[in-house]
């Protein structure tokens, strides 16, 4: 299960299928150096996104 406290880089490494979801949300941080040390919650603040909504979509993607 993905949480908003998890680092984006760790999530992408563990669940590569979430990259598409991140792109759909406008988070083009897949290859970004900041993604290695930035949590989903922190990235959502920067991008003006709802972290809970993104985490829900990411968890749906890993269940499929």
C-alpha atoms as a PDB file:
ATOM      1  CA  UNK A   1       0.000   0.000   0.000  1.00  0.00           C
ATOM      2  CA  UNK A   2       1.273   3.430  -0.971  1.00  0.00           C
ATOM      3  CA  UNK A   3       1.080   6.290   1.530  1.00  0.00           C
ATOM      4  CA  UNK A   4       1.657   9.996   1.062  1.00  0.00           C
ATOM      5  CA  UNK A   5       4.694   9.854   3.336  1.00  0.00           C
ATOM      6  CA  UNK A   6       6.535   7.543   0.928  1.00  0.00           C
ATOM      7  CA  UNK A   7       9.280   8.911  -1.307  1.00  0.00           C
ATOM      8  CA  UNK A   8       8.301   9.204  -4.956  1.00  0.00           C
ATOM      9  CA  UNK A   9      11.509   7.525  -6.115  1.00  0.00           C
ATOM     10  CA  UNK A  10      10.890   4.522  -3.868  1.00  0.00           C
ATOM     11  CA  UNK A  11       7.303   4.195  -5.080  1.00  0.00           C
ATOM     12  CA  UNK A  12       8.331   4.318  -8.742  1.00  0.00           C
ATOM     13  CA  UNK A  13      11.093   1.781  -8.165  1.00  0.00           C
ATOM     14  CA  UNK A  14       8.778  -0.613  -6.333  1.00  0.00           C
ATOM     15  CA  UNK A  15       5.710  -0.086  -8.534  1.00  0.00           C
ATOM     16  CA  UNK A  16       6.828   1.079 -12.006  1.00  0.00           C
ATOM     17  CA  UNK A  17       3.226   1.026 -13.220  1.00  0.00           C
ATOM     18  CA  UNK A  18       2.472   4.155 -11.161  1.00  0.00           C
ATOM     19  CA  UNK A  19       4.539   6.304 -13.540  1.00  0.00           C
ATOM     20  CA  UNK A  20       1.544   6.658 -15.855  1.00  0.00           C
ATOM     21  CA  UNK A  21      -0.674   7.813 -12.975  1.00  0.00           C
ATOM     22  CA  UNK A  22       1.882  10.417 -11.909  1.00  0.00           C
ATOM     23  CA  UNK A  23       2.031  11.737 -15.468  1.00  0.00           C
ATOM     24  CA  UNK A  24      -1.767  11.918 -15.639  1.00  0.00           C
ATOM     25  CA  UNK A  25      -1.715  14.084 -12.516  1.00  0.00           C
ATOM     26  CA  UNK A  26       0.845  16.391 -14.123  1.00  0.00           C
ATOM     27  CA  UNK A  27       3.728  15.165 -12.005  1.00  0.00           C
ATOM     28  CA  UNK A  28       6.543  14.764 -14.474  1.00  0.00           C
ATOM     29  CA  UNK A  29       8.963  13.893 -11.685  1.00  0.00           C
ATOM     30  CA  UNK A  30       9.646  10.360 -12.805  1.00  0.00           C
ATOM     31  CA  UNK A  31      13.277  11.077 -13.640  1.00  0.00           C
ATOM     32  CA  UNK A  32      13.669  14.159 -11.457  1.00  0.00           C
ATOM     33  CA  UNK A  33      16.460  14.133  -8.884  1.00  0.00           C
ATOM     34  CA  UNK A  34      14.084  15.653  -6.310  1.00  0.00           C
ATOM     35  CA  UNK A  35      11.854  12.576  -6.566  1.00  0.00           C
ATOM     36  CA  UNK A  36      14.493  10.514  -4.801  1.00  0.00           C
ATOM     37  CA  UNK A  37      14.102  12.479  -1.571  1.00  0.00           C
ATOM     38  CA  UNK A  38      10.647  14.029  -1.898  1.00  0.00           C
ATOM     39  CA  UNK A  39       7.548  12.481  -0.395  1.00  0.00           C
ATOM     40  CA  UNK A  40       4.300  12.250  -2.302  1.00  0.00           C
ATOM     41  CA  UNK A  41       2.780  14.751   0.144  1.00  0.00           C
ATOM     42  CA  UNK A  42       5.595  17.263  -0.400  1.00  0.00           C
ATOM     43  CA  UNK A  43       5.392  16.941  -4.176  1.00  0.00           C
ATOM     44  CA  UNK A  44       1.636  17.462  -4.058  1.00  0.00           C
ATOM     45  CA  UNK A  45       2.111  20.720  -2.167  1.00  0.00           C
ATOM     46  CA  UNK A  46       4.580  21.927  -4.798  1.00  0.00           C
ATOM     47  CA  UNK A  47       2.256  20.914  -7.651  1.00  0.00           C
ATOM     48  CA  UNK A  48      -0.973  22.080  -5.988  1.00  0.00           C
ATOM     49  CA  UNK A  49      -2.489  18.593  -5.904  1.00  0.00           C
ATOM     50  CA  UNK A  50      -4.577  16.734  -3.347  1.00  0.00           C
ATOM     51  CA  UNK A  51      -2.255  14.106  -1.863  1.00  0.00           C
ATOM     52  CA  UNK A  52      -5.094  11.846  -0.741  1.00  0.00           C
ATOM     53  CA  UNK A  53      -6.584  11.811  -4.253  1.00  0.00           C
ATOM     54  CA  UNK A  54      -3.225  10.980  -5.811  1.00  0.00           C
ATOM     55  CA  UNK A  55      -2.465   8.233  -3.283  1.00  0.00           C
ATOM     56  CA  UNK A  56      -5.871   6.676  -3.935  1.00  0.00           C
ATOM     57  CA  UNK A  57      -5.178   6.623  -7.699  1.00  0.00           C
ATOM     58  CA  UNK A  58      -1.700   5.167  -7.128  1.00  0.00           C
ATOM     59  CA  UNK A  59      -3.085   2.387  -4.959  1.00  0.00           C
ATOM     60  CA  UNK A  60      -5.713   1.546  -7.573  1.00  0.00           C
ATOM     61  CA  UNK A  61      -2.917   1.268 -10.150  1.00  0.00           C
ATOM     62  CA  UNK A  62      -0.948  -1.224  -8.086  1.00  0.00           C
ATOM     63  CA  UNK A  63      -4.020  -3.371  -7.439  1.00  0.00           C
ATOM     64  CA  UNK A  64      -4.702  -3.870 -11.143  1.00  0.00           C
END
